[in-house]
Amino acid sequence: MLSNIGIPGLMLILILALIVFGPSKLPELGRAVGQTLREFKKSAHELTSDTLEEIKEVSKEVSKEVKKI
């Protein structure tokens, strides 16, 4: 989706943001967006890590059961 915007689209978005929020609020808004993205990436990474860890545990249990048989 974002790959289709291009330079003119980004310029338009920046100009609209400047008009709506004003130059004094843009750094604060940018920080908030950055923190939100960082938290989202961190949560996604933790979720995948937890899921992979559970899959490994189940795989070990299944391997033990297969060896018993």
PDB file of N, CA and C in Angstrom:
ATOM      1  N   MET A   1       0.818  -1.183   0.000  1.00  0.00           N
ATOM      2  CA  MET A   1       0.000   0.000   0.000  1.00  0.00           C
ATOM      3  C   MET A   1       0.867   1.255   0.000  1.00  0.00           C
ATOM      4  N   LEU A   2       1.828   1.336   0.913  1.00  0.00           N
ATOM      5  CA  LEU A   2       2.665   2.520   0.987  1.00  0.00           C
ATOM      6  C   LEU A   2       3.630   2.631  -0.189  1.00  0.00           C
ATOM      7  N   SER A   3       3.923   1.534  -0.841  1.00  0.00           N
ATOM      8  CA  SER A   3       4.854   1.587  -1.959  1.00  0.00           C
ATOM      9  C   SER A   3       4.254   2.300  -3.165  1.00  0.00           C
ATOM     10  N   ASN A   4       2.939   2.457  -3.217  1.00  0.00           N
ATOM     11  CA  ASN A   4       2.278   3.106  -4.339  1.00  0.00           C
ATOM     12  C   ASN A   4       2.122   4.612  -4.151  1.00  0.00           C
ATOM     13  N   ILE A   5       2.505   5.145  -3.008  1.00  0.00           N
ATOM     14  CA  ILE A   5       2.293   6.571  -2.736  1.00  0.00           C
ATOM     15  C   ILE A   5       3.239   7.434  -3.562  1.00  0.00           C
ATOM     16  N   GLY A   6       4.508   7.179  -3.495  1.00  0.00           N
ATOM     17  CA  GLY A   6       5.479   7.958  -4.247  1.00  0.00           C
ATOM     18  C   GLY A   6       5.804   9.282  -3.571  1.00  0.00           C
ATOM     19  N   ILE A   7       6.745  10.008  -4.162  1.00  0.00           N
ATOM     20  CA  ILE A   7       7.211  11.283  -3.615  1.00  0.00           C
ATOM     21  C   ILE A   7       6.098  12.342  -3.601  1.00  0.00           C
ATOM     22  N   PRO A   8       5.346  12.530  -4.689  1.00  0.00           N
ATOM     23  CA  PRO A   8       4.286  13.551  -4.646  1.00  0.00           C
ATOM     24  C   PRO A   8       3.236  13.274  -3.563  1.00  0.00           C
ATOM     25  N   GLY A   9       2.904  12.024  -3.373  1.00  0.00           N
ATOM     26  CA  GLY A   9       1.937  11.657  -2.341  1.00  0.00           C
ATOM     27  C   GLY A   9       2.458  11.946  -0.948  1.00  0.00           C
ATOM     28  N   LEU A  10       3.742  11.630  -0.727  1.00  0.00           N
ATOM     29  CA  LEU A  10       4.349  11.922   0.574  1.00  0.00           C
ATOM     30  C   LEU A  10       4.402  13.421   0.842  1.00  0.00           C
ATOM     31  N   MET A  11       4.702  14.194  -0.189  1.00  0.00           N
ATOM     32  CA  MET A  11       4.727  15.654  -0.033  1.00  0.00           C
ATOM     33  C   MET A  11       3.332  16.179   0.326  1.00  0.00           C
ATOM     34  N   LEU A  12       2.309  15.646  -0.322  1.00  0.00           N
ATOM     35  CA  LEU A  12       0.943  16.059  -0.039  1.00  0.00           C
ATOM     36  C   LEU A  12       0.554  15.713   1.399  1.00  0.00           C
ATOM     37  N   ILE A  13       0.911  14.524   1.841  1.00  0.00           N
ATOM     38  CA  ILE A  13       0.614  14.110   3.212  1.00  0.00           C
ATOM     39  C   ILE A  13       1.330  15.018   4.207  1.00  0.00           C
ATOM     40  N   LEU A  14       2.590  15.342   3.939  1.00  0.00           N
ATOM     41  CA  LEU A  14       3.356  16.220   4.825  1.00  0.00           C
ATOM     42  C   LEU A  14       2.736  17.607   4.893  1.00  0.00           C
ATOM     43  N   ILE A  15       2.329  18.147   3.753  1.00  0.00           N
ATOM     44  CA  ILE A  15       1.708  19.477   3.723  1.00  0.00           C
ATOM     45  C   ILE A  15       0.378  19.458   4.487  1.00  0.00           C
ATOM     46  N   LEU A  16      -0.423  18.419   4.291  1.00  0.00           N
ATOM     47  CA  LEU A  16      -1.693  18.311   5.008  1.00  0.00           C
ATOM     48  C   LEU A  16      -1.471  18.190   6.513  1.00  0.00           C
ATOM     49  N   ALA A  17      -0.481  17.405   6.903  1.00  0.00           N
ATOM     50  CA  ALA A  17      -0.167  17.267   8.334  1.00  0.00           C
ATOM     51  C   ALA A  17       0.283  18.595   8.918  1.00  0.00           C
ATOM     52  N   LEU A  18       1.066  19.352   8.159  1.00  0.00           N
ATOM     53  CA  LEU A  18       1.522  20.663   8.616  1.00  0.00           C
ATOM     54  C   LEU A  18       0.339  21.607   8.806  1.00  0.00           C
ATOM     55  N   ILE A  19      -0.607  21.565   7.882  1.00  0.00           N
ATOM     56  CA  ILE A  19      -1.783  22.441   7.976  1.00  0.00           C
ATOM     57  C   ILE A  19      -2.669  22.032   9.154  1.00  0.00           C
ATOM     58  N   VAL A  20      -2.905  20.718   9.303  1.00  0.00           N
ATOM     59  CA  VAL A  20      -3.828  20.247  10.330  1.00  0.00           C
ATOM     60  C   VAL A  20      -3.227  20.390  11.734  1.00  0.00           C
ATOM     61  N   PHE A  21      -1.975  19.962  11.917  1.00  0.00           N
ATOM     62  CA  PHE A  21      -1.389  19.919  13.255  1.00  0.00           C
ATOM     63  C   PHE A  21      -0.510  21.127  13.573  1.00  0.00           C
ATOM     64  N   GLY A  22      -0.010  21.797  12.574  1.00  0.00           N
ATOM     65  CA  GLY A  22       0.883  22.929  12.812  1.00  0.00           C
ATOM     66  C   GLY A  22       2.304  22.467  13.042  1.00  0.00           C
ATOM     67  N   PRO A  23       3.263  23.350  12.792  1.00  0.00           N
ATOM     68  CA  PRO A  23       4.674  22.952  12.893  1.00  0.00           C
ATOM     69  C   PRO A  23       5.120  22.618  14.318  1.00  0.00           C
ATOM     70  N   SER A  24       4.452  23.152  15.326  1.00  0.00           N
ATOM     71  CA  SER A  24       4.883  22.882  16.701  1.00  0.00           C
ATOM     72  C   SER A  24       4.484  21.486  17.165  1.00  0.00           C
ATOM     73  N   LYS A  25       3.421  20.936  16.618  1.00  0.00           N
ATOM     74  CA  LYS A  25       2.932  19.617  17.039  1.00  0.00           C
ATOM     75  C   LYS A  25       3.533  18.466  16.229  1.00  0.00           C
ATOM     76  N   LEU A  26       4.129  18.744  15.074  1.00  0.00           N
ATOM     77  CA  LEU A  26       4.638  17.661  14.224  1.00  0.00           C
ATOM     78  C   LEU A  26       5.717  16.816  14.895  1.00  0.00           C
ATOM     79  N   PRO A  27       6.717  17.409  15.592  1.00  0.00           N
ATOM     80  CA  PRO A  27       7.704  16.546  16.255  1.00  0.00           C
ATOM     81  C   PRO A  27       7.080  15.631  17.310  1.00  0.00           C
ATOM     82  N   GLU A  28       6.132  16.172  18.062  1.00  0.00           N
ATOM     83  CA  GLU A  28       5.445  15.378  19.077  1.00  0.00           C
ATOM     84  C   GLU A  28       4.656  14.245  18.425  1.00  0.00           C
ATOM     85  N   LEU A  29       3.985  14.539  17.337  1.00  0.00           N
ATOM     86  CA  LEU A  29       3.218  13.543  16.606  1.00  0.00           C
ATOM     87  C   LEU A  29       4.141  12.462  16.032  1.00  0.00           C
ATOM     88  N   GLY A  30       5.273  12.883  15.488  1.00  0.00           N
ATOM     89  CA  GLY A  30       6.243  11.930  14.942  1.00  0.00           C
ATOM     90  C   GLY A  30       6.783  10.991  16.012  1.00  0.00           C
ATOM     91  N   ARG A  31       7.076  11.548  17.191  1.00  0.00           N
ATOM     92  CA  ARG A  31       7.544  10.719  18.305  1.00  0.00           C
ATOM     93  C   ARG A  31       6.493   9.708  18.718  1.00  0.00           C
ATOM     94  N   ALA A  32       5.252  10.161  18.799  1.00  0.00           N
ATOM     95  CA  ALA A  32       4.165   9.262  19.200  1.00  0.00           C
ATOM     96  C   ALA A  32       3.986   8.133  18.190  1.00  0.00           C
ATOM     97  N   VAL A  33       4.045   8.467  16.911  1.00  0.00           N
ATOM     98  CA  VAL A  33       3.922   7.436  15.867  1.00  0.00           C
ATOM     99  C   VAL A  33       5.097   6.462  15.958  1.00  0.00           C
ATOM    100  N   GLY A  34       6.300   6.983  16.158  1.00  0.00           N
ATOM    101  CA  GLY A  34       7.484   6.124  16.283  1.00  0.00           C
ATOM    102  C   GLY A  34       7.386   5.178  17.465  1.00  0.00           C
ATOM    103  N   GLN A  35       6.944   5.690  18.610  1.00  0.00           N
ATOM    104  CA  GLN A  35       6.799   4.848  19.792  1.00  0.00           C
ATOM    105  C   GLN A  35       5.731   3.777  19.581  1.00  0.00           C
ATOM    106  N   THR A  36       4.661   4.156  18.927  1.00  0.00           N
ATOM    107  CA  THR A  36       3.597   3.194  18.655  1.00  0.00           C
ATOM    108  C   THR A  36       4.099   2.075  17.745  1.00  0.00           C
ATOM    109  N   LEU A  37       4.817   2.437  16.687  1.00  0.00           N
ATOM    110  CA  LEU A  37       5.364   1.422  15.781  1.00  0.00           C
ATOM    111  C   LEU A  37       6.362   0.522  16.494  1.00  0.00           C
ATOM    112  N   ARG A  38       7.196   1.111  17.349  1.00  0.00           N
ATOM    113  CA  ARG A  38       8.180   0.338  18.101  1.00  0.00           C
ATOM    114  C   ARG A  38       7.487  -0.670  19.012  1.00  0.00           C
ATOM    115  N   GLU A  39       6.444  -0.232  19.719  1.00  0.00           N
ATOM    116  CA  GLU A  39       5.694  -1.124  20.596  1.00  0.00           C
ATOM    117  C   GLU A  39       5.015  -2.242  19.799  1.00  0.00           C
ATOM    118  N   PHE A  40       4.466  -1.890  18.645  1.00  0.00           N
ATOM    119  CA  PHE A  40       3.814  -2.895  17.811  1.00  0.00           C
ATOM    120  C   PHE A  40       4.816  -3.955  17.356  1.00  0.00           C
ATOM    121  N   LYS A  41       5.981  -3.516  16.898  1.00  0.00           N
ATOM    122  CA  LYS A  41       7.004  -4.468  16.454  1.00  0.00           C
ATOM    123  C   LYS A  41       7.463  -5.348  17.609  1.00  0.00           C
ATOM    124  N   LYS A  42       7.625  -4.745  18.788  1.00  0.00           N
ATOM    125  CA  LYS A  42       8.060  -5.502  19.966  1.00  0.00           C
ATOM    126  C   LYS A  42       7.020  -6.558  20.334  1.00  0.00           C
ATOM    127  N   SER A  43       5.749  -6.176  20.319  1.00  0.00           N
ATOM    128  CA  SER A  43       4.675  -7.113  20.652  1.00  0.00           C
ATOM    129  C   SER A  43       4.597  -8.241  19.629  1.00  0.00           C
ATOM    130  N   ALA A  44       4.733  -7.901  18.365  1.00  0.00           N
ATOM    131  CA  ALA A  44       4.699  -8.914  17.311  1.00  0.00           C
ATOM    132  C   ALA A  44       5.861  -9.887  17.464  1.00  0.00           C
ATOM    133  N   HIS A  45       7.042  -9.368  17.797  1.00  0.00           N
ATOM    134  CA  HIS A  45       8.221 -10.221  17.980  1.00  0.00           C
ATOM    135  C   HIS A  45       8.026 -11.141  19.184  1.00  0.00           C
ATOM    136  N   GLU A  46       7.492 -10.604  20.279  1.00  0.00           N
ATOM    137  CA  GLU A  46       7.248 -11.427  21.461  1.00  0.00           C
ATOM    138  C   GLU A  46       6.223 -12.516  21.174  1.00  0.00           C
ATOM    139  N   LEU A  47       5.193 -12.166  20.428  1.00  0.00           N
ATOM    140  CA  LEU A  47       4.164 -13.142  20.088  1.00  0.00           C
ATOM    141  C   LEU A  47       4.739 -14.282  19.258  1.00  0.00           C
ATOM    142  N   THR A  48       5.559 -13.943  18.267  1.00  0.00           N
ATOM    143  CA  THR A  48       6.161 -14.996  17.443  1.00  0.00           C
ATOM    144  C   THR A  48       7.136 -15.826  18.254  1.00  0.00           C
ATOM    145  N   SER A  49       7.895 -15.178  19.128  1.00  0.00           N
ATOM    146  CA  SER A  49       8.849 -15.916  19.967  1.00  0.00           C
ATOM    147  C   SER A  49       8.116 -16.894  20.878  1.00  0.00           C
ATOM    148  N   ASP A  50       7.038 -16.424  21.509  1.00  0.00           N
ATOM    149  CA  ASP A  50       6.263 -17.292  22.396  1.00  0.00           C
ATOM    150  C   ASP A  50       5.667 -18.467  21.628  1.00  0.00           C
ATOM    151  N   THR A  51       5.154 -18.194  20.453  1.00  0.00           N
ATOM    152  CA  THR A  51       4.543 -19.249  19.649  1.00  0.00           C
ATOM    153  C   THR A  51       5.585 -20.282  19.235  1.00  0.00           C
ATOM    154  N   LEU A  52       6.748 -19.814  18.788  1.00  0.00           N
ATOM    155  CA  LEU A  52       7.810 -20.751  18.396  1.00  0.00           C
ATOM    156  C   LEU A  52       8.281 -21.572  19.582  1.00  0.00           C
ATOM    157  N   GLU A  53       8.366 -20.941  20.745  1.00  0.00           N
ATOM    158  CA  GLU A  53       8.795 -21.652  21.951  1.00  0.00           C
ATOM    159  C   GLU A  53       7.792 -22.760  22.302  1.00  0.00           C
ATOM    160  N   GLU A  54       6.505 -22.453  22.208  1.00  0.00           N
ATOM    161  CA  GLU A  54       5.482 -23.464  22.491  1.00  0.00           C
ATOM    162  C   GLU A  54       5.544 -24.599  21.479  1.00  0.00           C
ATOM    163  N   ILE A  55       5.760 -24.268  20.219  1.00  0.00           N
ATOM    164  CA  ILE A  55       5.858 -25.304  19.185  1.00  0.00           C
ATOM    165  C   ILE A  55       7.044 -26.221  19.471  1.00  0.00           C
ATOM    166  N   LYS A  56       8.167 -25.667  19.889  1.00  0.00           N
ATOM    167  CA  LYS A  56       9.340 -26.487  20.222  1.00  0.00           C
ATOM    168  C   LYS A  56       9.054 -27.406  21.390  1.00  0.00           C
ATOM    169  N   GLU A  57       8.346 -26.877  22.419  1.00  0.00           N
ATOM    170  CA  GLU A  57       8.018 -27.700  23.574  1.00  0.00           C
ATOM    171  C   GLU A  57       7.100 -28.861  23.184  1.00  0.00           C
ATOM    172  N   VAL A  58       6.093 -28.574  22.393  1.00  0.00           N
ATOM    173  CA  VAL A  58       5.169 -29.624  21.952  1.00  0.00           C
ATOM    174  C   VAL A  58       5.911 -30.639  21.093  1.00  0.00           C
ATOM    175  N   SER A  59       6.811 -30.158  20.260  1.00  0.00           N
ATOM    176  CA  SER A  59       7.586 -31.054  19.407  1.00  0.00           C
ATOM    177  C   SER A  59       8.448 -31.998  20.246  1.00  0.00           C
ATOM    178  N   LYS A  60       9.041 -31.474  21.307  1.00  0.00           N
ATOM    179  CA  LYS A  60       9.854 -32.317  22.198  1.00  0.00           C
ATOM    180  C   LYS A  60       8.985 -33.371  22.879  1.00  0.00           C
ATOM    181  N   GLU A  61       7.798 -32.961  23.329  1.00  0.00           N
ATOM    182  CA  GLU A  61       6.893 -33.909  23.980  1.00  0.00           C
ATOM    183  C   GLU A  61       6.461 -35.001  23.011  1.00  0.00           C
ATOM    184  N   VAL A  62       6.154 -34.617  21.786  1.00  0.00           N
ATOM    185  CA  VAL A  62       5.751 -35.593  20.781  1.00  0.00           C
ATOM    186  C   VAL A  62       6.906 -36.547  20.491  1.00  0.00           C
ATOM    187  N   SER A  63       8.123 -36.011  20.394  1.00  0.00           N
ATOM    188  CA  SER A  63       9.290 -36.866  20.141  1.00  0.00           C
ATOM    189  C   SER A  63       9.472 -37.879  21.264  1.00  0.00           C
ATOM    190  N   LYS A  64       9.292 -37.438  22.505  1.00  0.00           N
ATOM    191  CA  LYS A  64       9.422 -38.360  23.647  1.00  0.00           C
ATOM    192  C   LYS A  64       8.375 -39.453  23.576  1.00  0.00           C
ATOM    193  N   GLU A  65       7.143 -39.094  23.249  1.00  0.00           N
ATOM    194  CA  GLU A  65       6.072 -40.068  23.148  1.00  0.00           C
ATOM    195  C   GLU A  65       6.336 -41.059  22.013  1.00  0.00           C
ATOM    196  N   VAL A  66       6.862 -40.567  20.901  1.00  0.00           N
ATOM    197  CA  VAL A  66       7.163 -41.455  19.767  1.00  0.00           C
ATOM    198  C   VAL A  66       8.278 -42.419  20.153  1.00  0.00           C
ATOM    199  N   LYS A  67       9.252 -41.957  20.890  1.00  0.00           N
ATOM    200  CA  LYS A  67      10.353 -42.842  21.305  1.00  0.00           C
ATOM    201  C   LYS A  67       9.847 -43.912  22.255  1.00  0.00           C
ATOM    202  N   LYS A  68       8.857 -43.585  23.087  1.00  0.00           N
ATOM    203  CA  LYS A  68       8.296 -44.563  24.005  1.00  0.00           C
ATOM    204  C   LYS A  68       7.588 -45.682  23.246  1.00  0.00           C
ATOM    205  N   ILE A  69       6.981 -45.298  22.158  1.00  0.00           N
ATOM    206  CA  ILE A  69       6.223 -46.268  21.360  1.00  0.00           C
ATOM    207  C   ILE A  69       7.218 -47.103  20.586  1.00  0.00           C
TER     208      ILE A  69
END
